[in-house]
Amino acid sequence: MSGIQYVKIPARFDPNVVLRVVSGHFATSQSHITRYMDVAAMKSRCNEAKGAARLLAQRYEATIPVDSIVCLDGMEVVGTYLAEALTRVGVMSFNAHKSLYVLSPEYSTAGQIIFRDNIQMAIRDKHILVLMGSVTTGKTLETALRCIRYYRGTVTGACAVFSAVDKVDDISIHAIFHPDDVHGFASYSPNECPLCRSGQPIHAIVNSFGYSALT
């Protein structure tokens, strides 16, 4: 995918927060999609990460408790700014030190999510907000919710830069960008992908960390 061409989509409530979108035929771990949302710059550049965090924080009321933010997809920079923004707007934390935890899970070789013994205190009996780069089918979030609950955490919310679904289990997903913002976005089961059936090659394998070109 040399010479990749991005379309930049500004957020509705802050034009300085921009989603970079590429058209093509892409394979995720769960589906095939027609648009790849590149959030690498948003989650690594301080100004963009801070802007994204500010927009996400506006979706939460002071009545929703958050003790820890679990960051998936390498979203720790955004997660740190989000913790600061939530604190400013008065979101409740029941931590003794009145400061939010920002952490990421570890993954086993089998793909299982693990929280080691020394950081389980940030999950056990805590109110958890899950932060993701993008949600396409919700399967990754579903796995994360199951894991957090296994470690006795209570999930009080989930948010993402982009989400194609509104809810996973009983948890609503607050996102900056939705499919309506990305013209031509579609997600298909790999076994039912019309692009595959028409013989269109897969351009890249993608996830929230980036892409690996195949053609």
N, C-alpha and C. Protein backbone atom coordinates (compact mmCIF):
# COMPACT_ATOMS: atom_id res chain seq x y z
N MET A 1 0.83 -1.20 0.00
CA MET A 1 0.00 0.00 0.00
C MET A 1 0.87 1.26 0.00
N SER A 2 1.84 1.28 -0.88
CA SER A 2 2.68 2.46 -0.98
C SER A 2 1.88 3.60 -1.57
N GLY A 3 2.23 4.83 -1.19
CA GLY A 3 1.50 5.99 -1.69
C GLY A 3 0.08 6.03 -1.19
N ILE A 4 -0.13 5.59 0.03
CA ILE A 4 -1.47 5.51 0.59
C ILE A 4 -2.12 6.90 0.63
N GLN A 5 -3.40 6.96 0.28
CA GLN A 5 -4.14 8.22 0.22
C GLN A 5 -5.17 8.26 1.33
N TYR A 6 -5.02 9.23 2.21
CA TYR A 6 -5.96 9.39 3.32
C TYR A 6 -7.03 10.43 2.99
N VAL A 7 -8.22 10.18 3.47
CA VAL A 7 -9.26 11.20 3.54
C VAL A 7 -9.37 11.60 5.00
N LYS A 8 -9.31 12.88 5.27
CA LYS A 8 -9.34 13.36 6.65
C LYS A 8 -10.75 13.85 6.99
N ILE A 9 -11.31 13.27 8.05
CA ILE A 9 -12.67 13.61 8.48
C ILE A 9 -12.59 14.31 9.83
N PRO A 10 -12.98 15.57 9.90
CA PRO A 10 -12.95 16.28 11.19
C PRO A 10 -14.12 15.85 12.08
N ALA A 11 -13.88 15.87 13.37
CA ALA A 11 -14.94 15.57 14.33
C ALA A 11 -16.01 16.65 14.29
N ARG A 12 -17.24 16.28 14.58
CA ARG A 12 -18.36 17.21 14.48
C ARG A 12 -18.22 18.40 15.44
N PHE A 13 -17.68 18.15 16.63
CA PHE A 13 -17.65 19.19 17.64
C PHE A 13 -16.26 19.78 17.86
N ASP A 14 -15.29 19.31 17.08
CA ASP A 14 -13.94 19.87 17.16
C ASP A 14 -13.20 19.54 15.86
N PRO A 15 -13.14 20.48 14.92
CA PRO A 15 -12.50 20.21 13.63
C PRO A 15 -11.01 19.94 13.73
N ASN A 16 -10.41 20.19 14.89
CA ASN A 16 -8.99 19.92 15.07
C ASN A 16 -8.72 18.45 15.37
N VAL A 17 -9.78 17.72 15.71
CA VAL A 17 -9.65 16.28 15.92
C VAL A 17 -10.06 15.59 14.61
N VAL A 18 -9.10 14.91 13.98
CA VAL A 18 -9.29 14.42 12.62
C VAL A 18 -9.10 12.91 12.56
N LEU A 19 -10.03 12.23 11.89
CA LEU A 19 -9.91 10.79 11.64
C LEU A 19 -9.37 10.60 10.23
N ARG A 20 -8.32 9.82 10.11
CA ARG A 20 -7.72 9.53 8.80
C ARG A 20 -8.27 8.21 8.28
N VAL A 21 -8.84 8.24 7.10
CA VAL A 21 -9.56 7.09 6.56
C VAL A 21 -8.97 6.68 5.20
N VAL A 22 -8.83 5.38 5.00
CA VAL A 22 -8.34 4.83 3.74
C VAL A 22 -9.40 3.89 3.18
N SER A 23 -9.66 3.99 1.88
CA SER A 23 -10.62 3.10 1.22
C SER A 23 -9.91 1.87 0.67
N GLY A 24 -10.60 0.74 0.70
CA GLY A 24 -10.03 -0.49 0.15
C GLY A 24 -10.74 -1.71 0.67
N HIS A 25 -10.02 -2.81 0.67
CA HIS A 25 -10.53 -4.09 1.15
C HIS A 25 -9.56 -4.56 2.23
N PHE A 26 -10.01 -4.52 3.48
CA PHE A 26 -9.13 -4.78 4.60
C PHE A 26 -9.68 -5.91 5.47
N ALA A 27 -8.76 -6.67 6.05
CA ALA A 27 -9.14 -7.77 6.94
C ALA A 27 -8.74 -7.44 8.37
N THR A 28 -9.72 -7.47 9.28
CA THR A 28 -9.43 -7.37 10.70
C THR A 28 -9.45 -8.80 11.27
N SER A 29 -9.26 -8.92 12.56
CA SER A 29 -9.28 -10.24 13.17
C SER A 29 -10.67 -10.87 13.17
N GLN A 30 -11.72 -10.03 12.98
CA GLN A 30 -13.08 -10.52 13.07
C GLN A 30 -13.90 -10.32 11.80
N SER A 31 -13.46 -9.42 10.91
CA SER A 31 -14.31 -9.06 9.78
C SER A 31 -13.48 -8.50 8.63
N HIS A 32 -14.17 -8.26 7.51
CA HIS A 32 -13.59 -7.52 6.39
C HIS A 32 -14.29 -6.17 6.31
N ILE A 33 -13.52 -5.11 6.10
CA ILE A 33 -14.08 -3.76 6.08
C ILE A 33 -13.65 -3.02 4.83
N THR A 34 -14.45 -2.01 4.47
CA THR A 34 -14.18 -1.23 3.26
C THR A 34 -13.46 0.09 3.54
N ARG A 35 -13.35 0.44 4.81
CA ARG A 35 -12.63 1.65 5.20
C ARG A 35 -11.76 1.32 6.41
N TYR A 36 -10.50 1.74 6.31
CA TYR A 36 -9.60 1.56 7.44
C TYR A 36 -9.43 2.90 8.15
N MET A 37 -9.75 2.91 9.45
CA MET A 37 -9.61 4.11 10.28
C MET A 37 -8.25 4.10 10.96
N ASP A 38 -7.37 4.97 10.51
CA ASP A 38 -6.01 5.04 11.05
C ASP A 38 -5.99 6.02 12.23
N VAL A 39 -5.90 5.50 13.43
CA VAL A 39 -5.91 6.34 14.63
C VAL A 39 -4.51 6.49 15.23
N ALA A 40 -3.49 6.07 14.47
CA ALA A 40 -2.12 6.10 15.01
C ALA A 40 -1.71 7.50 15.44
N ALA A 41 -1.95 8.50 14.59
CA ALA A 41 -1.55 9.87 14.93
C ALA A 41 -2.36 10.39 16.11
N MET A 42 -3.64 10.06 16.15
CA MET A 42 -4.50 10.56 17.20
C MET A 42 -4.09 10.02 18.57
N LYS A 43 -3.58 8.81 18.61
CA LYS A 43 -3.24 8.23 19.91
C LYS A 43 -1.77 8.42 20.28
N SER A 44 -0.99 9.07 19.41
CA SER A 44 0.43 9.26 19.72
C SER A 44 0.87 10.72 19.73
N ARG A 45 0.16 11.59 19.01
CA ARG A 45 0.48 13.01 19.03
C ARG A 45 -0.27 13.67 20.19
N CYS A 46 0.46 14.38 21.03
CA CYS A 46 -0.13 14.90 22.26
C CYS A 46 -1.33 15.81 21.99
N ASN A 47 -1.22 16.72 21.02
CA ASN A 47 -2.32 17.65 20.76
C ASN A 47 -3.57 16.91 20.31
N GLU A 48 -3.40 15.94 19.41
CA GLU A 48 -4.56 15.19 18.91
C GLU A 48 -5.13 14.28 20.00
N ALA A 49 -4.24 13.66 20.77
CA ALA A 49 -4.70 12.79 21.85
C ALA A 49 -5.48 13.58 22.89
N LYS A 50 -5.00 14.77 23.20
CA LYS A 50 -5.69 15.62 24.18
C LYS A 50 -7.05 16.06 23.66
N GLY A 51 -7.12 16.40 22.37
CA GLY A 51 -8.40 16.79 21.78
C GLY A 51 -9.40 15.66 21.77
N ALA A 52 -8.94 14.45 21.42
CA ALA A 52 -9.82 13.29 21.43
C ALA A 52 -10.32 13.00 22.84
N ALA A 53 -9.42 13.09 23.82
CA ALA A 53 -9.81 12.85 25.21
C ALA A 53 -10.85 13.85 25.68
N ARG A 54 -10.68 15.08 25.28
CA ARG A 54 -11.64 16.13 25.69
C ARG A 54 -13.03 15.83 25.14
N LEU A 55 -13.11 15.38 23.88
CA LEU A 55 -14.40 15.05 23.29
C LEU A 55 -15.03 13.84 23.98
N LEU A 56 -14.22 12.85 24.29
CA LEU A 56 -14.75 11.66 24.95
C LEU A 56 -15.23 11.97 26.36
N ALA A 57 -14.51 12.83 27.05
CA ALA A 57 -14.87 13.18 28.42
C ALA A 57 -16.21 13.89 28.49
N GLN A 58 -16.57 14.61 27.44
CA GLN A 58 -17.83 15.34 27.43
C GLN A 58 -19.04 14.42 27.46
N ARG A 59 -18.83 13.15 27.12
CA ARG A 59 -19.95 12.20 27.09
C ARG A 59 -20.30 11.66 28.47
N TYR A 60 -19.47 11.95 29.47
CA TYR A 60 -19.68 11.35 30.78
C TYR A 60 -20.10 12.39 31.80
N GLU A 61 -21.08 12.03 32.61
CA GLU A 61 -21.59 12.91 33.64
C GLU A 61 -20.86 12.67 34.96
N ALA A 62 -20.93 13.65 35.81
CA ALA A 62 -20.26 13.53 37.11
C ALA A 62 -20.86 12.43 37.97
N THR A 63 -22.06 11.96 37.63
CA THR A 63 -22.70 10.91 38.42
C THR A 63 -22.18 9.52 38.08
N ILE A 64 -21.38 9.38 37.01
CA ILE A 64 -20.85 8.08 36.61
C ILE A 64 -19.47 7.89 37.25
N PRO A 65 -19.32 6.92 38.14
CA PRO A 65 -18.02 6.73 38.80
C PRO A 65 -17.01 6.06 37.88
N VAL A 66 -15.77 6.52 37.93
CA VAL A 66 -14.67 5.90 37.20
C VAL A 66 -13.46 5.89 38.13
N ASP A 67 -12.94 4.71 38.41
CA ASP A 67 -11.73 4.57 39.22
C ASP A 67 -10.52 4.25 38.36
N SER A 68 -10.75 3.52 37.26
CA SER A 68 -9.64 3.09 36.40
C SER A 68 -10.06 3.16 34.93
N ILE A 69 -9.11 3.50 34.08
CA ILE A 69 -9.32 3.46 32.64
C ILE A 69 -8.45 2.35 32.08
N VAL A 70 -9.07 1.34 31.48
CA VAL A 70 -8.34 0.25 30.84
C VAL A 70 -8.21 0.58 29.37
N CYS A 71 -6.99 0.73 28.92
CA CYS A 71 -6.71 1.15 27.53
C CYS A 71 -6.37 -0.06 26.67
N LEU A 72 -7.13 -0.26 25.62
CA LEU A 72 -6.82 -1.26 24.61
C LEU A 72 -6.29 -0.54 23.37
N ASP A 73 -5.72 -1.28 22.44
CA ASP A 73 -5.28 -0.72 21.15
C ASP A 73 -4.18 0.33 21.27
N GLY A 74 -3.41 0.29 22.35
CA GLY A 74 -2.34 1.26 22.50
C GLY A 74 -2.81 2.67 22.77
N MET A 75 -3.91 2.82 23.50
CA MET A 75 -4.53 4.12 23.72
C MET A 75 -4.11 4.78 25.03
N GLU A 76 -2.94 4.44 25.55
CA GLU A 76 -2.54 4.95 26.86
C GLU A 76 -2.38 6.47 26.89
N VAL A 77 -1.87 7.07 25.81
CA VAL A 77 -1.69 8.52 25.80
C VAL A 77 -3.05 9.22 25.88
N VAL A 78 -3.99 8.78 25.06
CA VAL A 78 -5.34 9.32 25.13
C VAL A 78 -5.94 9.04 26.50
N GLY A 79 -5.69 7.85 27.04
CA GLY A 79 -6.22 7.48 28.34
C GLY A 79 -5.75 8.39 29.46
N THR A 80 -4.49 8.81 29.38
CA THR A 80 -3.95 9.71 30.40
C THR A 80 -4.63 11.07 30.34
N TYR A 81 -4.77 11.59 29.12
CA TYR A 81 -5.49 12.87 28.97
C TYR A 81 -6.96 12.73 29.36
N LEU A 82 -7.54 11.56 29.07
CA LEU A 82 -8.94 11.34 29.43
C LEU A 82 -9.10 11.34 30.95
N ALA A 83 -8.17 10.74 31.65
CA ALA A 83 -8.23 10.74 33.11
C ALA A 83 -8.19 12.17 33.65
N GLU A 84 -7.34 13.00 33.07
CA GLU A 84 -7.26 14.40 33.50
C GLU A 84 -8.57 15.13 33.20
N ALA A 85 -9.12 14.89 32.01
CA ALA A 85 -10.35 15.57 31.61
C ALA A 85 -11.53 15.14 32.48
N LEU A 86 -11.62 13.86 32.79
CA LEU A 86 -12.70 13.37 33.64
C LEU A 86 -12.60 13.96 35.05
N THR A 87 -11.38 14.08 35.52
CA THR A 87 -11.18 14.67 36.85
C THR A 87 -11.64 16.13 36.86
N ARG A 88 -11.35 16.85 35.78
CA ARG A 88 -11.73 18.26 35.71
C ARG A 88 -13.24 18.45 35.70
N VAL A 89 -13.96 17.54 35.01
CA VAL A 89 -15.41 17.70 34.92
C VAL A 89 -16.13 17.12 36.14
N GLY A 90 -15.36 16.57 37.09
CA GLY A 90 -15.95 16.14 38.34
C GLY A 90 -16.44 14.71 38.38
N VAL A 91 -15.98 13.85 37.46
CA VAL A 91 -16.36 12.44 37.51
C VAL A 91 -15.84 11.83 38.81
N MET A 92 -16.69 11.09 39.48
CA MET A 92 -16.35 10.55 40.79
C MET A 92 -15.33 9.42 40.70
N SER A 93 -14.40 9.42 41.61
CA SER A 93 -13.47 8.32 41.80
C SER A 93 -13.50 7.91 43.26
N PHE A 94 -13.61 6.63 43.51
CA PHE A 94 -13.65 6.13 44.87
C PHE A 94 -12.27 5.66 45.35
N ASN A 95 -11.23 5.91 44.53
CA ASN A 95 -9.88 5.57 44.96
C ASN A 95 -9.49 6.43 46.16
N ALA A 96 -8.76 5.84 47.09
CA ALA A 96 -8.38 6.55 48.31
C ALA A 96 -7.56 7.80 48.01
N HIS A 97 -6.74 7.74 46.95
CA HIS A 97 -5.88 8.87 46.60
C HIS A 97 -6.56 9.85 45.66
N LYS A 98 -7.82 9.57 45.30
CA LYS A 98 -8.62 10.46 44.43
C LYS A 98 -7.94 10.71 43.08
N SER A 99 -7.25 9.72 42.59
CA SER A 99 -6.60 9.81 41.29
C SER A 99 -6.92 8.55 40.50
N LEU A 100 -7.20 8.70 39.21
CA LEU A 100 -7.59 7.56 38.39
C LEU A 100 -6.36 6.73 37.99
N TYR A 101 -6.56 5.42 37.92
CA TYR A 101 -5.56 4.53 37.34
C TYR A 101 -5.73 4.53 35.82
N VAL A 102 -4.62 4.49 35.10
CA VAL A 102 -4.64 4.31 33.64
C VAL A 102 -3.72 3.13 33.35
N LEU A 103 -4.27 2.05 32.81
CA LEU A 103 -3.48 0.84 32.62
C LEU A 103 -3.91 0.08 31.38
N SER A 104 -3.04 -0.81 30.95
CA SER A 104 -3.31 -1.68 29.80
C SER A 104 -3.14 -3.13 30.21
N PRO A 105 -3.93 -4.03 29.66
CA PRO A 105 -3.77 -5.43 30.00
C PRO A 105 -2.61 -6.06 29.25
N GLU A 106 -2.24 -7.22 29.70
CA GLU A 106 -1.27 -8.06 28.99
C GLU A 106 -2.04 -9.14 28.24
N TYR A 107 -1.45 -9.62 27.14
CA TYR A 107 -2.10 -10.67 26.36
C TYR A 107 -1.25 -11.93 26.38
N SER A 108 -1.89 -13.06 26.65
CA SER A 108 -1.18 -14.34 26.61
C SER A 108 -0.96 -14.76 25.17
N THR A 109 -0.17 -15.80 24.96
CA THR A 109 0.09 -16.30 23.62
C THR A 109 -1.20 -16.82 22.96
N ALA A 110 -2.19 -17.15 23.78
CA ALA A 110 -3.47 -17.63 23.26
C ALA A 110 -4.45 -16.48 23.02
N GLY A 111 -3.99 -15.25 23.26
CA GLY A 111 -4.85 -14.10 23.02
C GLY A 111 -5.73 -13.73 24.20
N GLN A 112 -5.52 -14.37 25.34
CA GLN A 112 -6.31 -14.06 26.53
C GLN A 112 -5.78 -12.79 27.19
N ILE A 113 -6.69 -12.00 27.77
CA ILE A 113 -6.32 -10.78 28.47
C ILE A 113 -5.98 -11.11 29.91
N ILE A 114 -4.84 -10.58 30.36
CA ILE A 114 -4.35 -10.88 31.71
C ILE A 114 -4.04 -9.58 32.45
N PHE A 115 -4.39 -9.53 33.72
CA PHE A 115 -3.92 -8.49 34.62
C PHE A 115 -3.08 -9.17 35.70
N ARG A 116 -1.81 -8.84 35.76
CA ARG A 116 -0.91 -9.48 36.72
C ARG A 116 -1.29 -9.10 38.15
N ASP A 117 -0.79 -9.92 39.08
CA ASP A 117 -1.16 -9.77 40.49
C ASP A 117 -0.90 -8.36 41.01
N ASN A 118 0.21 -7.74 40.59
CA ASN A 118 0.60 -6.46 41.17
C ASN A 118 -0.23 -5.29 40.66
N ILE A 119 -1.05 -5.49 39.60
CA ILE A 119 -1.91 -4.39 39.13
C ILE A 119 -3.40 -4.73 39.26
N GLN A 120 -3.70 -5.90 39.80
CA GLN A 120 -5.11 -6.28 39.94
C GLN A 120 -5.85 -5.36 40.91
N MET A 121 -5.11 -4.68 41.80
CA MET A 121 -5.75 -3.76 42.73
C MET A 121 -6.40 -2.59 41.99
N ALA A 122 -5.98 -2.34 40.72
CA ALA A 122 -6.58 -1.27 39.92
C ALA A 122 -7.84 -1.75 39.21
N ILE A 123 -8.15 -3.04 39.31
CA ILE A 123 -9.33 -3.63 38.67
C ILE A 123 -10.33 -4.13 39.71
N ARG A 124 -9.84 -4.86 40.68
CA ARG A 124 -10.71 -5.52 41.66
C ARG A 124 -11.53 -4.49 42.45
N ASP A 125 -12.85 -4.66 42.40
CA ASP A 125 -13.80 -3.79 43.11
C ASP A 125 -13.71 -2.33 42.67
N LYS A 126 -13.23 -2.09 41.44
CA LYS A 126 -13.13 -0.73 40.90
C LYS A 126 -14.18 -0.52 39.81
N HIS A 127 -14.50 0.74 39.56
CA HIS A 127 -15.37 1.13 38.45
C HIS A 127 -14.47 1.39 37.23
N ILE A 128 -14.71 0.65 36.16
CA ILE A 128 -13.79 0.64 35.03
C ILE A 128 -14.41 1.29 33.79
N LEU A 129 -13.64 2.15 33.15
CA LEU A 129 -13.98 2.69 31.83
C LEU A 129 -13.02 2.08 30.83
N VAL A 130 -13.55 1.44 29.80
CA VAL A 130 -12.72 0.82 28.76
C VAL A 130 -12.56 1.80 27.60
N LEU A 131 -11.32 2.01 27.17
CA LEU A 131 -11.00 2.92 26.08
C LEU A 131 -10.37 2.14 24.93
N MET A 132 -10.92 2.31 23.71
CA MET A 132 -10.41 1.61 22.53
C MET A 132 -10.18 2.59 21.39
N GLY A 133 -9.35 2.16 20.44
CA GLY A 133 -9.14 2.97 19.25
C GLY A 133 -10.33 2.87 18.31
N SER A 134 -10.71 1.65 17.98
CA SER A 134 -11.86 1.44 17.10
C SER A 134 -12.57 0.15 17.47
N VAL A 135 -13.86 0.15 17.23
CA VAL A 135 -14.71 -1.02 17.49
C VAL A 135 -15.46 -1.32 16.20
N THR A 136 -15.22 -2.48 15.63
CA THR A 136 -15.88 -2.84 14.37
C THR A 136 -17.03 -3.81 14.62
N THR A 137 -16.73 -4.95 15.23
CA THR A 137 -17.78 -5.94 15.51
C THR A 137 -18.16 -5.98 16.99
N GLY A 138 -17.27 -5.50 17.85
CA GLY A 138 -17.51 -5.54 19.28
C GLY A 138 -16.96 -6.78 19.95
N LYS A 139 -16.37 -7.71 19.20
CA LYS A 139 -15.86 -8.95 19.78
C LYS A 139 -14.70 -8.71 20.73
N THR A 140 -13.79 -7.80 20.36
CA THR A 140 -12.65 -7.51 21.24
C THR A 140 -13.13 -6.88 22.54
N LEU A 141 -14.07 -5.96 22.44
CA LEU A 141 -14.62 -5.34 23.63
C LEU A 141 -15.35 -6.36 24.49
N GLU A 142 -16.07 -7.26 23.86
CA GLU A 142 -16.77 -8.30 24.60
C GLU A 142 -15.80 -9.14 25.41
N THR A 143 -14.66 -9.48 24.80
CA THR A 143 -13.62 -10.24 25.51
C THR A 143 -13.08 -9.44 26.68
N ALA A 144 -12.85 -8.14 26.47
CA ALA A 144 -12.33 -7.29 27.53
C ALA A 144 -13.32 -7.18 28.69
N LEU A 145 -14.59 -7.03 28.39
CA LEU A 145 -15.61 -6.95 29.45
C LEU A 145 -15.63 -8.24 30.28
N ARG A 146 -15.56 -9.35 29.59
CA ARG A 146 -15.57 -10.64 30.29
C ARG A 146 -14.35 -10.78 31.21
N CYS A 147 -13.20 -10.33 30.71
CA CYS A 147 -11.97 -10.42 31.50
C CYS A 147 -12.03 -9.51 32.72
N ILE A 148 -12.45 -8.27 32.54
CA ILE A 148 -12.52 -7.32 33.65
C ILE A 148 -13.47 -7.83 34.74
N ARG A 149 -14.58 -8.39 34.30
CA ARG A 149 -15.53 -8.92 35.28
C ARG A 149 -14.96 -10.14 36.00
N TYR A 150 -14.14 -10.92 35.30
CA TYR A 150 -13.49 -12.07 35.93
C TYR A 150 -12.59 -11.60 37.08
N TYR A 151 -11.92 -10.46 36.87
CA TYR A 151 -11.05 -9.90 37.91
C TYR A 151 -11.83 -9.01 38.89
N ARG A 152 -13.16 -9.14 38.88
CA ARG A 152 -14.06 -8.48 39.83
C ARG A 152 -14.11 -6.96 39.65
N GLY A 153 -13.88 -6.50 38.43
CA GLY A 153 -14.09 -5.09 38.14
C GLY A 153 -15.51 -4.85 37.66
N THR A 154 -16.02 -3.65 37.88
CA THR A 154 -17.35 -3.26 37.42
C THR A 154 -17.19 -2.27 36.28
N VAL A 155 -17.62 -2.66 35.09
CA VAL A 155 -17.49 -1.79 33.92
C VAL A 155 -18.63 -0.78 33.92
N THR A 156 -18.27 0.50 33.99
CA THR A 156 -19.29 1.55 34.01
C THR A 156 -19.40 2.28 32.67
N GLY A 157 -18.51 1.94 31.71
CA GLY A 157 -18.60 2.59 30.42
C GLY A 157 -17.54 2.11 29.46
N ALA A 158 -17.75 2.42 28.19
CA ALA A 158 -16.78 2.10 27.14
C ALA A 158 -16.79 3.24 26.13
N CYS A 159 -15.62 3.58 25.62
CA CYS A 159 -15.54 4.65 24.63
C CYS A 159 -14.46 4.32 23.61
N ALA A 160 -14.55 4.97 22.44
CA ALA A 160 -13.63 4.70 21.35
C ALA A 160 -13.55 5.90 20.42
N VAL A 161 -12.50 5.96 19.65
CA VAL A 161 -12.41 6.99 18.62
C VAL A 161 -13.47 6.73 17.55
N PHE A 162 -13.55 5.48 17.09
CA PHE A 162 -14.56 5.08 16.09
C PHE A 162 -15.25 3.82 16.57
N SER A 163 -16.56 3.77 16.41
CA SER A 163 -17.29 2.54 16.71
C SER A 163 -18.41 2.32 15.70
N ALA A 164 -18.47 1.10 15.20
CA ALA A 164 -19.52 0.72 14.26
C ALA A 164 -20.73 0.13 14.97
N VAL A 165 -20.61 -0.09 16.29
CA VAL A 165 -21.73 -0.62 17.07
C VAL A 165 -22.01 0.32 18.23
N ASP A 166 -23.25 0.31 18.69
CA ASP A 166 -23.66 1.22 19.77
C ASP A 166 -23.53 0.62 21.15
N LYS A 167 -23.58 -0.71 21.22
CA LYS A 167 -23.61 -1.35 22.54
C LYS A 167 -23.04 -2.75 22.44
N VAL A 168 -22.33 -3.16 23.47
CA VAL A 168 -21.86 -4.54 23.61
C VAL A 168 -22.29 -5.03 24.98
N ASP A 169 -22.93 -6.18 25.02
CA ASP A 169 -23.58 -6.65 26.25
C ASP A 169 -24.54 -5.55 26.71
N ASP A 170 -24.37 -5.07 27.93
CA ASP A 170 -25.23 -4.01 28.42
C ASP A 170 -24.50 -2.67 28.51
N ILE A 171 -23.36 -2.58 27.83
CA ILE A 171 -22.51 -1.40 27.92
C ILE A 171 -22.62 -0.57 26.64
N SER A 172 -23.07 0.66 26.76
CA SER A 172 -23.12 1.57 25.62
C SER A 172 -21.71 2.07 25.28
N ILE A 173 -21.46 2.26 23.99
CA ILE A 173 -20.15 2.73 23.54
C ILE A 173 -20.27 4.18 23.09
N HIS A 174 -19.54 5.06 23.73
CA HIS A 174 -19.48 6.46 23.33
C HIS A 174 -18.29 6.63 22.40
N ALA A 175 -18.55 7.12 21.19
CA ALA A 175 -17.48 7.26 20.19
C ALA A 175 -17.50 8.66 19.59
N ILE A 176 -16.32 9.08 19.14
CA ILE A 176 -16.22 10.38 18.46
C ILE A 176 -16.76 10.27 17.04
N PHE A 177 -16.43 9.16 16.38
CA PHE A 177 -16.85 8.95 14.99
C PHE A 177 -17.69 7.68 14.90
N HIS A 178 -18.68 7.72 13.99
CA HIS A 178 -19.58 6.59 13.75
C HIS A 178 -19.63 6.29 12.26
N PRO A 179 -20.23 5.17 11.86
CA PRO A 179 -20.31 4.85 10.43
C PRO A 179 -20.93 5.96 9.58
N ASP A 180 -21.88 6.71 10.13
CA ASP A 180 -22.48 7.81 9.38
C ASP A 180 -21.47 8.89 9.01
N ASP A 181 -20.39 8.96 9.78
CA ASP A 181 -19.35 9.96 9.50
C ASP A 181 -18.39 9.51 8.40
N VAL A 182 -18.36 8.21 8.15
CA VAL A 182 -17.39 7.63 7.20
C VAL A 182 -18.15 7.08 6.00
N HIS A 183 -18.23 7.88 4.94
CA HIS A 183 -19.00 7.49 3.76
C HIS A 183 -18.44 6.20 3.15
N GLY A 184 -19.33 5.25 2.92
CA GLY A 184 -18.95 4.00 2.28
C GLY A 184 -18.43 2.93 3.21
N PHE A 185 -18.49 3.17 4.51
CA PHE A 185 -18.00 2.15 5.43
C PHE A 185 -18.96 0.96 5.45
N ALA A 186 -18.40 -0.24 5.41
CA ALA A 186 -19.18 -1.47 5.56
C ALA A 186 -18.30 -2.52 6.19
N SER A 187 -18.91 -3.38 6.96
CA SER A 187 -18.22 -4.47 7.62
C SER A 187 -18.93 -5.77 7.30
N TYR A 188 -18.15 -6.80 6.94
CA TYR A 188 -18.73 -8.07 6.55
C TYR A 188 -18.05 -9.22 7.29
N SER A 189 -18.80 -10.27 7.51
CA SER A 189 -18.20 -11.51 7.98
C SER A 189 -17.26 -12.03 6.88
N PRO A 190 -16.08 -12.54 7.24
CA PRO A 190 -15.15 -13.04 6.20
C PRO A 190 -15.78 -14.06 5.26
N ASN A 191 -16.71 -14.86 5.76
CA ASN A 191 -17.35 -15.88 4.93
C ASN A 191 -18.42 -15.32 4.02
N GLU A 192 -18.83 -14.07 4.26
CA GLU A 192 -19.91 -13.47 3.48
C GLU A 192 -19.48 -12.17 2.81
N CYS A 193 -18.19 -11.96 2.67
CA CYS A 193 -17.67 -10.70 2.14
C CYS A 193 -17.90 -10.61 0.63
N PRO A 194 -18.68 -9.64 0.15
CA PRO A 194 -18.92 -9.51 -1.30
C PRO A 194 -17.67 -9.11 -2.07
N LEU A 195 -16.73 -8.44 -1.42
CA LEU A 195 -15.49 -8.08 -2.09
C LEU A 195 -14.66 -9.33 -2.39
N CYS A 196 -14.64 -10.26 -1.46
CA CYS A 196 -13.94 -11.53 -1.70
C CYS A 196 -14.63 -12.31 -2.82
N ARG A 197 -15.96 -12.33 -2.79
CA ARG A 197 -16.70 -13.09 -3.80
C ARG A 197 -16.51 -12.52 -5.20
N SER A 198 -16.27 -11.21 -5.26
CA SER A 198 -16.05 -10.59 -6.58
C SER A 198 -14.60 -10.67 -7.02
N GLY A 199 -13.76 -11.27 -6.20
CA GLY A 199 -12.37 -11.46 -6.58
C GLY A 199 -11.45 -10.30 -6.24
N GLN A 200 -11.93 -9.34 -5.46
CA GLN A 200 -11.09 -8.20 -5.10
C GLN A 200 -10.10 -8.62 -4.02
N PRO A 201 -8.82 -8.43 -4.25
CA PRO A 201 -7.83 -8.87 -3.26
C PRO A 201 -7.89 -8.02 -1.99
N ILE A 202 -7.45 -8.62 -0.90
CA ILE A 202 -7.33 -7.89 0.35
C ILE A 202 -6.08 -7.01 0.28
N HIS A 203 -6.24 -5.74 0.56
CA HIS A 203 -5.12 -4.82 0.48
C HIS A 203 -4.19 -4.91 1.68
N ALA A 204 -4.77 -5.13 2.86
CA ALA A 204 -3.94 -5.15 4.06
C ALA A 204 -4.68 -5.82 5.20
N ILE A 205 -3.90 -6.36 6.12
CA ILE A 205 -4.42 -6.82 7.41
C ILE A 205 -4.28 -5.65 8.37
N VAL A 206 -5.36 -5.30 9.05
CA VAL A 206 -5.36 -4.07 9.84
C VAL A 206 -5.87 -4.30 11.26
N ASN A 207 -5.42 -3.44 12.15
CA ASN A 207 -6.01 -3.31 13.48
C ASN A 207 -5.75 -1.89 13.96
N SER A 208 -6.00 -1.61 15.20
CA SER A 208 -5.87 -0.23 15.68
C SER A 208 -4.42 0.22 15.79
N PHE A 209 -3.46 -0.73 15.69
CA PHE A 209 -2.06 -0.37 15.73
C PHE A 209 -1.54 0.04 14.36
N GLY A 210 -2.17 -0.46 13.29
CA GLY A 210 -1.69 -0.13 11.95
C GLY A 210 -2.12 -1.17 10.94
N TYR A 211 -1.38 -1.22 9.83
CA TYR A 211 -1.73 -2.15 8.76
C TYR A 211 -0.47 -2.83 8.24
N SER A 212 -0.68 -4.03 7.70
CA SER A 212 0.37 -4.79 7.04
C SER A 212 -0.10 -5.08 5.61
N ALA A 213 0.52 -4.39 4.65
CA ALA A 213 0.06 -4.48 3.26
C ALA A 213 0.28 -5.87 2.68
N LEU A 214 -0.71 -6.32 1.91
CA LEU A 214 -0.62 -7.60 1.21
C LEU A 214 -0.48 -7.41 -0.29
N THR A 215 -0.93 -6.26 -0.82
CA THR A 215 -0.86 -5.99 -2.26
C THR A 215 -0.26 -4.62 -2.49
